[in-house]
């Protein structure tokens, strides 16, 4: 037996509501991102090595705060460096 599956207006409305709720939750998660990043996180975001991070510190491109032996970088600062180094920025 062949079963016919029809999409009704009610199905589309329910899908629309689910989609909007999913998008809202994604946007609020973005607001919950950390304000600071550790060195290994900066390496992953910028896709560079630890040595490159050190060079960025020496050049003054990154200005971390040291708390208890751990360096913390401003997420805003890392984001701006990411846009500067982006191939699309050229």
C-alpha atoms as a PDB file:
ATOM      1  CA  UNK A   1       0.000   0.000   0.000  1.00  0.00           C
ATOM      2  CA  UNK A   2       1.281   3.469  -0.903  1.00  0.00           C
ATOM      3  CA  UNK A   3       0.924   6.149   1.723  1.00  0.00           C
ATOM      4  CA  UNK A   4       0.462   9.708   0.506  1.00  0.00           C
ATOM      5  CA  UNK A   5       2.127  12.362   2.646  1.00  0.00           C
ATOM      6  CA  UNK A   6       0.730  15.817   2.072  1.00  0.00           C
ATOM      7  CA  UNK A   7       2.075  19.018   3.515  1.00  0.00           C
ATOM      8  CA  UNK A   8      -0.672  21.196   4.878  1.00  0.00           C
ATOM      9  CA  UNK A   9      -0.697  24.866   5.813  1.00  0.00           C
ATOM     10  CA  UNK A  10      -0.709  23.815   9.462  1.00  0.00           C
ATOM     11  CA  UNK A  11       2.463  21.768   8.870  1.00  0.00           C
ATOM     12  CA  UNK A  12       4.153  24.781   7.276  1.00  0.00           C
ATOM     13  CA  UNK A  13       3.087  27.043  10.142  1.00  0.00           C
ATOM     14  CA  UNK A  14       4.481  24.575  12.688  1.00  0.00           C
ATOM     15  CA  UNK A  15       7.725  24.355  10.714  1.00  0.00           C
ATOM     16  CA  UNK A  16       7.965  28.151  10.565  1.00  0.00           C
ATOM     17  CA  UNK A  17       7.532  28.446  14.327  1.00  0.00           C
ATOM     18  CA  UNK A  18      10.152  25.749  14.970  1.00  0.00           C
ATOM     19  CA  UNK A  19      12.574  27.426  12.574  1.00  0.00           C
ATOM     20  CA  UNK A  20      12.151  30.836  14.187  1.00  0.00           C
ATOM     21  CA  UNK A  21      12.657  29.378  17.665  1.00  0.00           C
ATOM     22  CA  UNK A  22      15.816  27.584  16.510  1.00  0.00           C
ATOM     23  CA  UNK A  23      17.211  30.783  15.015  1.00  0.00           C
ATOM     24  CA  UNK A  24      16.431  32.731  18.186  1.00  0.00           C
ATOM     25  CA  UNK A  25      18.260  30.155  20.301  1.00  0.00           C
ATOM     26  CA  UNK A  26      21.293  30.311  18.010  1.00  0.00           C
ATOM     27  CA  UNK A  27      21.412  34.084  18.259  1.00  0.00           C
ATOM     28  CA  UNK A  28      21.211  34.046  22.043  1.00  0.00           C
ATOM     29  CA  UNK A  29      23.995  31.443  22.192  1.00  0.00           C
ATOM     30  CA  UNK A  30      26.182  33.865  20.239  1.00  0.00           C
ATOM     31  CA  UNK A  31      25.653  36.435  23.004  1.00  0.00           C
ATOM     32  CA  UNK A  32      26.839  33.888  25.575  1.00  0.00           C
ATOM     33  CA  UNK A  33      30.281  33.492  24.010  1.00  0.00           C
ATOM     34  CA  UNK A  34      33.223  34.028  26.369  1.00  0.00           C
ATOM     35  CA  UNK A  35      34.699  37.509  26.631  1.00  0.00           C
ATOM     36  CA  UNK A  36      38.216  36.107  26.970  1.00  0.00           C
ATOM     37  CA  UNK A  37      40.081  33.268  25.288  1.00  0.00           C
ATOM     38  CA  UNK A  38      43.055  31.189  26.351  1.00  0.00           C
ATOM     39  CA  UNK A  39      46.063  30.780  24.075  1.00  0.00           C
ATOM     40  CA  UNK A  40      45.011  27.383  22.694  1.00  0.00           C
ATOM     41  CA  UNK A  41      41.582  28.815  21.839  1.00  0.00           C
ATOM     42  CA  UNK A  42      43.142  31.764  20.020  1.00  0.00           C
ATOM     43  CA  UNK A  43      45.320  29.322  18.064  1.00  0.00           C
ATOM     44  CA  UNK A  44      42.213  27.432  16.942  1.00  0.00           C
ATOM     45  CA  UNK A  45      40.253  30.551  16.036  1.00  0.00           C
ATOM     46  CA  UNK A  46      43.074  32.167  14.060  1.00  0.00           C
ATOM     47  CA  UNK A  47      44.386  28.813  12.761  1.00  0.00           C
ATOM     48  CA  UNK A  48      47.966  29.699  13.680  1.00  0.00           C
ATOM     49  CA  UNK A  49      50.673  28.143  15.839  1.00  0.00           C
ATOM     50  CA  UNK A  50      51.706  29.042  19.368  1.00  0.00           C
ATOM     51  CA  UNK A  51      54.804  30.752  17.972  1.00  0.00           C
ATOM     52  CA  UNK A  52      52.677  32.992  15.779  1.00  0.00           C
ATOM     53  CA  UNK A  53      50.604  33.977  18.815  1.00  0.00           C
ATOM     54  CA  UNK A  54      53.847  34.872  20.591  1.00  0.00           C
ATOM     55  CA  UNK A  55      54.919  36.987  17.611  1.00  0.00           C
ATOM     56  CA  UNK A  56      51.558  38.769  17.650  1.00  0.00           C
ATOM     57  CA  UNK A  57      52.154  39.566  21.337  1.00  0.00           C
ATOM     58  CA  UNK A  58      55.634  40.946  20.595  1.00  0.00           C
ATOM     59  CA  UNK A  59      54.275  43.049  17.714  1.00  0.00           C
ATOM     60  CA  UNK A  60      51.537  44.424  19.959  1.00  0.00           C
ATOM     61  CA  UNK A  61      48.727  42.905  17.895  1.00  0.00           C
ATOM     62  CA  UNK A  62      47.522  40.928  20.914  1.00  0.00           C
ATOM     63  CA  UNK A  63      47.658  42.251  24.474  1.00  0.00           C
ATOM     64  CA  UNK A  64      46.753  39.437  26.873  1.00  0.00           C
ATOM     65  CA  UNK A  65      46.171  39.680  30.587  1.00  0.00           C
ATOM     66  CA  UNK A  66      48.088  37.217  32.744  1.00  0.00           C
ATOM     67  CA  UNK A  67      46.129  35.720  35.605  1.00  0.00           C
ATOM     68  CA  UNK A  68      47.770  33.006  37.675  1.00  0.00           C
ATOM     69  CA  UNK A  69      50.236  32.071  34.950  1.00  0.00           C
ATOM     70  CA  UNK A  70      47.558  31.810  32.247  1.00  0.00           C
ATOM     71  CA  UNK A  71      47.266  34.314  29.411  1.00  0.00           C
ATOM     72  CA  UNK A  72      43.764  35.535  28.569  1.00  0.00           C
ATOM     73  CA  UNK A  73      43.043  37.359  25.321  1.00  0.00           C
ATOM     74  CA  UNK A  74      40.134  39.676  24.620  1.00  0.00           C
ATOM     75  CA  UNK A  75      37.676  37.977  22.250  1.00  0.00           C
ATOM     76  CA  UNK A  76      37.055  41.375  20.647  1.00  0.00           C
ATOM     77  CA  UNK A  77      40.769  41.845  19.983  1.00  0.00           C
ATOM     78  CA  UNK A  78      41.080  38.353  18.494  1.00  0.00           C
ATOM     79  CA  UNK A  79      38.009  38.976  16.341  1.00  0.00           C
ATOM     80  CA  UNK A  80      39.451  42.194  14.955  1.00  0.00           C
ATOM     81  CA  UNK A  81      42.725  40.416  14.211  1.00  0.00           C
ATOM     82  CA  UNK A  82      40.766  37.700  12.454  1.00  0.00           C
ATOM     83  CA  UNK A  83      39.080  40.227  10.148  1.00  0.00           C
ATOM     84  CA  UNK A  84      42.397  41.946   9.438  1.00  0.00           C
ATOM     85  CA  UNK A  85      44.035  38.637   8.457  1.00  0.00           C
ATOM     86  CA  UNK A  86      41.038  37.468   6.454  1.00  0.00           C
ATOM     87  CA  UNK A  87      41.744  36.882   2.754  1.00  0.00           C
ATOM     88  CA  UNK A  88      38.475  38.691   2.004  1.00  0.00           C
ATOM     89  CA  UNK A  89      39.731  41.842   3.750  1.00  0.00           C
ATOM     90  CA  UNK A  90      42.336  42.421   1.031  1.00  0.00           C
END
